[in-house]
């Protein structure tokens, strides 16, 4: 890895340094992961679990995901310096020292494991640690710079939160939890590839083999449509297999139909359709889907 960064004046105020370290955790990504945790807990409990258990799980999950993101920023600081979207990250600007960022990321991961093991159960802690290690070593270190399948395989890291939430409640894993894992796993490629279509030139410049760079935009758009259809199909399996009810079924069908329509438009009319529209809706889709699952439990 080339550790080249842009050397700018170091920030010295405590507030600015604190904000820089927080930004290493990529808070918006952490929020997205937590959106998939709580509904899994509600489904596992058949209602609202204890508030303390929910808070403990969210704290541990946030620390684990944030730690993995911080290590990702540390490892990718060389290419972050060359990409327009990431050139203002703290490790690029010099607001955070690389050694501090690495220690911060590793420390969060270790503390998250100990926290979850002591406040929820060991299985939940192990699953969170697996997600952390998968994101750091499988996606960031091994796959990202080597294969266009990086986001397909590596995206599994972001699918661990529903498993963590389910395990925190039940102490085990069941088919509904595995289906929720599969939904997030299949949703990740179309979500990220839509953004990658917009940032294709950036990825090409730093030689990261994202699918639009390696296979071209038409192939990427077809893959986005295929994975969107697969995502919706698996989400509907939660009704016959996972015990979800009519409210979730209706929510998943309507939100899923719009996801597929957006993906179809991007594939069929690329000149008239912005990939950012699909990217933004995919964020809303996953929130609607999991939110509908949580509401369904109380409606039922």
Protein backbone atom coordinates (compact mmCIF):
# COMPACT_ATOMS: atom_id res chain seq x y z
CA UNK A 1 0.00 0.00 0.00
CA UNK A 2 1.25 3.46 -0.87
CA UNK A 3 0.86 5.55 2.26
CA UNK A 4 1.05 8.86 0.46
CA UNK A 5 -1.19 11.52 1.95
CA UNK A 6 -1.71 15.22 1.40
CA UNK A 7 0.26 17.02 4.10
CA UNK A 8 -1.86 19.88 5.38
CA UNK A 9 -1.56 21.69 8.72
CA UNK A 10 -2.52 19.51 11.66
CA UNK A 11 -5.62 20.51 13.60
CA UNK A 12 -4.89 21.20 17.25
CA UNK A 13 -8.20 22.12 18.89
CA UNK A 14 -9.84 19.34 20.86
CA UNK A 15 -13.23 19.87 19.23
CA UNK A 16 -11.83 19.66 15.70
CA UNK A 17 -9.74 16.60 16.56
CA UNK A 18 -12.76 14.90 18.14
CA UNK A 19 -14.86 15.56 15.04
CA UNK A 20 -12.05 14.23 12.85
CA UNK A 21 -11.93 10.95 14.75
CA UNK A 22 -15.71 10.63 14.67
CA UNK A 23 -15.68 11.14 10.89
CA UNK A 24 -13.28 8.19 10.57
CA UNK A 25 -16.10 5.95 11.76
CA UNK A 26 -18.29 7.05 8.78
CA UNK A 27 -21.32 7.78 11.00
CA UNK A 28 -23.89 7.63 8.18
CA UNK A 29 -22.81 4.10 7.31
CA UNK A 30 -23.05 3.14 10.97
CA UNK A 31 -26.60 4.54 11.15
CA UNK A 32 -27.55 2.49 8.09
CA UNK A 33 -26.23 -0.68 9.73
CA UNK A 34 -28.18 0.01 12.91
CA UNK A 35 -31.38 0.43 10.89
CA UNK A 36 -31.12 -3.28 10.10
CA UNK A 37 -30.33 -4.30 13.68
CA UNK A 38 -33.35 -3.14 15.69
CA UNK A 39 -36.07 -4.64 13.44
CA UNK A 40 -34.24 -7.97 13.58
CA UNK A 41 -34.36 -7.74 17.37
CA UNK A 42 -38.06 -6.89 17.34
CA UNK A 43 -38.82 -9.84 15.06
CA UNK A 44 -36.73 -12.18 17.20
CA UNK A 45 -38.48 -11.07 20.38
CA UNK A 46 -41.96 -11.01 18.85
CA UNK A 47 -42.26 -7.47 20.21
CA UNK A 48 -40.04 -4.86 21.81
CA UNK A 49 -37.06 -6.44 23.61
CA UNK A 50 -35.80 -4.81 26.78
CA UNK A 51 -34.69 -1.26 26.10
CA UNK A 52 -31.37 -1.93 27.79
CA UNK A 53 -30.69 -4.87 25.48
CA UNK A 54 -31.47 -2.75 22.44
CA UNK A 55 -29.20 0.06 23.63
CA UNK A 56 -26.38 -2.32 24.52
CA UNK A 57 -26.59 -3.98 21.12
CA UNK A 58 -26.67 -0.66 19.28
CA UNK A 59 -23.71 0.68 21.24
CA UNK A 60 -21.67 -2.44 20.57
CA UNK A 61 -22.67 -2.58 16.92
CA UNK A 62 -21.85 1.09 16.42
CA UNK A 63 -18.41 0.74 17.98
CA UNK A 64 -17.61 -2.37 15.95
CA UNK A 65 -18.73 -0.88 12.63
CA UNK A 66 -17.08 2.43 13.40
CA UNK A 67 -13.82 0.72 14.25
CA UNK A 68 -13.83 -1.22 10.99
CA UNK A 69 -14.51 1.98 9.06
CA UNK A 70 -11.63 3.74 10.80
CA UNK A 71 -9.22 0.96 9.84
CA UNK A 72 -10.58 1.13 6.29
CA UNK A 73 -9.77 4.86 6.21
CA UNK A 74 -6.28 4.13 7.52
CA UNK A 75 -5.58 1.48 4.89
CA UNK A 76 -7.09 3.43 1.98
CA UNK A 77 -5.57 6.81 2.79
CA UNK A 78 -3.34 6.67 -0.31
CA UNK A 79 -6.21 6.30 -2.78
CA UNK A 80 -8.48 8.55 -0.71
CA UNK A 81 -6.01 11.36 -1.39
CA UNK A 82 -6.56 10.98 -5.14
CA UNK A 83 -10.35 10.68 -5.23
CA UNK A 84 -12.59 13.74 -5.25
CA UNK A 85 -15.14 12.18 -2.90
CA UNK A 86 -12.58 11.29 -0.23
CA UNK A 87 -9.76 13.81 -0.51
CA UNK A 88 -11.05 15.75 2.51
CA UNK A 89 -10.99 12.81 4.92
CA UNK A 90 -8.99 13.42 8.13
CA UNK A 91 -6.11 11.10 7.27
CA UNK A 92 -5.67 12.82 3.92
CA UNK A 93 -5.71 16.34 5.31
CA UNK A 94 -3.46 15.48 8.25
CA UNK A 95 -6.11 16.14 10.88
CA UNK A 96 -5.47 12.63 12.27
CA UNK A 97 -2.14 10.82 12.42
CA UNK A 98 -2.16 7.37 10.73
CA UNK A 99 -0.93 5.61 13.88
CA UNK A 100 -3.68 7.24 15.91
CA UNK A 101 -6.32 6.24 13.39
CA UNK A 102 -5.18 2.61 13.38
CA UNK A 103 -5.06 2.43 17.17
CA UNK A 104 -8.49 4.05 17.33
CA UNK A 105 -10.00 1.59 14.87
CA UNK A 106 -8.50 -1.49 16.50
CA UNK A 107 -9.38 -0.23 19.97
CA UNK A 108 -13.02 0.29 19.03
CA UNK A 109 -13.21 -3.22 17.61
CA UNK A 110 -11.75 -4.82 20.73
CA UNK A 111 -13.90 -2.78 23.08
CA UNK A 112 -17.03 -3.57 21.03
CA UNK A 113 -16.38 -7.30 21.38
CA UNK A 114 -15.88 -7.04 25.16
CA UNK A 115 -18.93 -4.80 25.51
CA UNK A 116 -21.24 -7.10 23.58
CA UNK A 117 -19.93 -10.22 25.27
CA UNK A 118 -20.60 -8.72 28.71
CA UNK A 119 -23.92 -6.97 28.00
CA UNK A 120 -25.59 -9.28 25.46
CA UNK A 121 -23.99 -12.67 24.81
CA UNK A 122 -20.87 -14.19 23.32
CA UNK A 123 -22.52 -15.19 20.04
CA UNK A 124 -23.58 -11.60 19.34
CA UNK A 125 -20.06 -10.42 20.15
CA UNK A 126 -18.48 -13.04 17.88
CA UNK A 127 -20.81 -12.15 14.99
CA UNK A 128 -19.99 -8.45 15.35
CA UNK A 129 -16.29 -9.30 15.39
CA UNK A 130 -16.72 -11.44 12.27
CA UNK A 131 -18.31 -8.49 10.49
CA UNK A 132 -15.44 -6.25 11.61
CA UNK A 133 -12.74 -8.67 10.48
CA UNK A 134 -14.53 -9.44 7.21
CA UNK A 135 -14.75 -5.76 6.31
CA UNK A 136 -11.13 -5.04 7.21
CA UNK A 137 -9.31 -8.10 5.91
CA UNK A 138 -11.59 -9.62 3.26
CA UNK A 139 -13.02 -6.49 1.66
CA UNK A 140 -10.52 -3.70 2.37
CA UNK A 141 -7.20 -5.56 2.27
CA UNK A 142 -7.90 -8.53 0.00
CA UNK A 143 -10.72 -7.82 -2.44
CA UNK A 144 -11.18 -4.09 -2.98
CA UNK A 145 -8.09 -3.53 -5.13
CA UNK A 146 -8.04 -6.95 -6.77
CA UNK A 147 -11.43 -7.95 -8.19
CA UNK A 148 -14.66 -6.40 -9.47
CA UNK A 149 -16.45 -8.84 -7.16
CA UNK A 150 -15.12 -6.82 -4.23
CA UNK A 151 -18.45 -5.32 -3.27
CA UNK A 152 -20.35 -8.57 -3.88
CA UNK A 153 -18.27 -10.71 -1.54
CA UNK A 154 -17.07 -7.94 0.73
CA UNK A 155 -20.56 -6.58 1.08
CA UNK A 156 -21.33 -9.49 3.38
CA UNK A 157 -19.67 -7.46 6.14
CA UNK A 158 -22.57 -5.04 6.12
CA UNK A 159 -25.06 -7.88 6.40
CA UNK A 160 -23.93 -8.99 9.87
CA UNK A 161 -25.95 -6.48 11.97
CA UNK A 162 -29.27 -8.38 11.63
CA UNK A 163 -27.47 -11.51 12.80
CA UNK A 164 -26.00 -9.62 15.75
CA UNK A 165 -29.41 -8.25 16.70
CA UNK A 166 -31.09 -11.64 16.42
CA UNK A 167 -28.37 -13.38 18.43
CA UNK A 168 -28.50 -10.70 21.12
CA UNK A 169 -32.18 -11.52 21.71
CA UNK A 170 -32.24 -15.28 21.24
CA UNK A 171 -28.68 -16.43 21.84
CA UNK A 172 -28.82 -18.32 18.53
CA UNK A 173 -29.59 -17.99 14.84
CA UNK A 174 -32.69 -19.02 12.90
CA UNK A 175 -33.92 -18.89 9.31
CA UNK A 176 -35.46 -15.41 9.56
CA UNK A 177 -32.09 -14.00 10.66
CA UNK A 178 -30.32 -15.70 7.77
CA UNK A 179 -32.91 -14.32 5.33
CA UNK A 180 -32.33 -10.81 6.68
CA UNK A 181 -28.61 -11.35 6.18
CA UNK A 182 -29.31 -12.43 2.59
CA UNK A 183 -31.48 -9.38 1.92
CA UNK A 184 -28.74 -6.95 2.95
CA UNK A 185 -26.10 -9.05 1.16
CA UNK A 186 -28.02 -8.92 -2.14
CA UNK A 187 -29.02 -5.27 -1.69
CA UNK A 188 -25.45 -4.04 -1.25
CA UNK A 189 -24.17 -4.50 -4.85
CA UNK A 190 -26.94 -2.52 -6.61
CA UNK A 191 -26.76 0.12 -3.89
CA UNK A 192 -23.02 0.59 -4.21
CA UNK A 193 -22.71 0.04 -7.96
CA UNK A 194 -25.19 2.87 -8.54
CA UNK A 195 -22.76 5.16 -6.72
CA UNK A 196 -19.80 3.59 -8.51
CA UNK A 197 -21.37 4.46 -11.86
CA UNK A 198 -21.27 8.10 -10.80
CA UNK A 199 -17.70 7.82 -9.49
CA UNK A 200 -16.34 5.62 -12.26
CA UNK A 201 -13.58 8.05 -13.25
CA UNK A 202 -12.36 8.31 -9.67
CA UNK A 203 -12.08 4.54 -9.29
CA UNK A 204 -10.41 4.20 -12.67
CA UNK A 205 -7.84 6.85 -11.75
CA UNK A 206 -6.76 4.96 -8.62
CA UNK A 207 -7.00 1.54 -10.33
CA UNK A 208 -9.69 0.14 -8.06
CA UNK A 209 -11.50 -2.50 -10.17
CA UNK A 210 -15.08 -1.56 -9.40
CA UNK A 211 -17.51 -3.21 -11.81
CA UNK A 212 -18.17 -0.11 -13.97
CA UNK A 213 -14.41 0.25 -14.53
CA UNK A 214 -13.73 -3.38 -15.40
CA UNK A 215 -16.94 -4.55 -17.08
CA UNK A 216 -18.33 -1.28 -18.36
CA UNK A 217 -21.49 0.63 -17.60
CA UNK A 218 -24.00 -1.49 -19.62
CA UNK A 219 -22.94 -4.66 -17.78
CA UNK A 220 -23.06 -2.86 -14.46
CA UNK A 221 -26.60 -1.65 -15.13
CA UNK A 222 -27.71 -5.20 -16.00
CA UNK A 223 -26.15 -6.52 -12.80
CA UNK A 224 -27.86 -3.80 -10.80
CA UNK A 225 -31.22 -4.89 -12.20
CA UNK A 226 -30.51 -8.58 -11.57
CA UNK A 227 -29.43 -8.03 -7.96
CA UNK A 228 -32.39 -5.71 -7.33
CA UNK A 229 -34.80 -8.42 -8.47
CA UNK A 230 -33.01 -10.99 -6.30
CA UNK A 231 -33.16 -8.64 -3.30
CA UNK A 232 -36.91 -8.21 -3.58
CA UNK A 233 -37.49 -11.92 -4.14
CA UNK A 234 -35.56 -12.88 -1.00
CA UNK A 235 -37.24 -10.13 1.02
CA UNK A 236 -40.63 -11.66 0.22
CA UNK A 237 -39.48 -15.06 1.49
CA UNK A 238 -39.74 -13.64 5.00
CA UNK A 239 -43.50 -14.05 4.72
CA UNK A 240 -43.69 -17.84 4.22
CA UNK A 241 -40.39 -18.69 5.93
CA UNK A 242 -39.85 -15.96 8.51
CA UNK A 243 -43.37 -15.56 9.77
CA UNK A 244 -43.78 -11.95 8.62
CA UNK A 245 -47.36 -10.79 8.21
CA UNK A 246 -49.52 -8.84 5.79
CA UNK A 247 -48.15 -5.39 6.66
CA UNK A 248 -44.59 -6.42 5.91
CA UNK A 249 -45.71 -8.28 2.77
CA UNK A 250 -47.42 -5.17 1.43
CA UNK A 251 -44.50 -2.93 2.38
CA UNK A 252 -41.91 -5.25 0.84
CA UNK A 253 -43.93 -5.66 -2.35
CA UNK A 254 -44.54 -1.93 -2.94
CA UNK A 255 -41.07 -0.75 -1.92
CA UNK A 256 -39.49 -3.63 -3.84
CA UNK A 257 -41.48 -2.93 -6.97
CA UNK A 258 -40.23 0.64 -6.96
CA UNK A 259 -36.63 -0.54 -6.44
CA UNK A 260 -36.89 -2.85 -9.45
CA UNK A 261 -38.53 -0.10 -11.49
CA UNK A 262 -35.72 2.31 -10.68
CA UNK A 263 -33.16 -0.35 -11.63
CA UNK A 264 -35.06 -1.11 -14.85
CA UNK A 265 -35.11 2.57 -15.79
CA UNK A 266 -31.36 2.81 -15.21
CA UNK A 267 -30.80 -0.22 -17.43
CA UNK A 268 -33.29 0.59 -20.18
CA UNK A 269 -33.01 4.39 -20.34
CA UNK A 270 -29.50 5.18 -19.03
CA UNK A 271 -29.31 8.54 -20.82
CA UNK A 272 -32.45 9.75 -19.04
CA UNK A 273 -31.82 8.17 -15.62
CA UNK A 274 -29.26 9.25 -13.04
CA UNK A 275 -27.64 6.42 -11.06
CA UNK A 276 -27.80 8.70 -8.03
CA UNK A 277 -31.60 8.42 -8.09
CA UNK A 278 -31.32 4.66 -7.59
CA UNK A 279 -28.55 5.09 -5.02
CA UNK A 280 -30.66 7.46 -2.92
CA UNK A 281 -33.79 5.35 -3.22
CA UNK A 282 -31.88 2.20 -2.25
CA UNK A 283 -31.11 3.86 1.09
CA UNK A 284 -34.76 4.67 1.59
CA UNK A 285 -35.76 1.18 0.45
CA UNK A 286 -33.72 -0.63 3.10
CA UNK A 287 -35.08 1.69 5.80
CA UNK A 288 -38.67 1.17 4.63
CA UNK A 289 -38.22 -2.58 4.38
CA UNK A 290 -36.79 -3.08 7.85
CA UNK A 291 -39.05 -0.45 9.34
CA UNK A 292 -42.03 -2.26 7.85
CA UNK A 293 -40.79 -5.49 9.40
CA UNK A 294 -40.68 -3.92 12.85
CA UNK A 295 -44.14 -2.37 12.47
CA UNK A 296 -45.51 -5.68 11.21
CA UNK A 297 -44.62 -7.38 14.48
CA UNK A 298 -46.74 -4.92 16.44
CA UNK A 299 -49.56 -4.92 13.90
CA UNK A 300 -49.71 -8.70 14.08
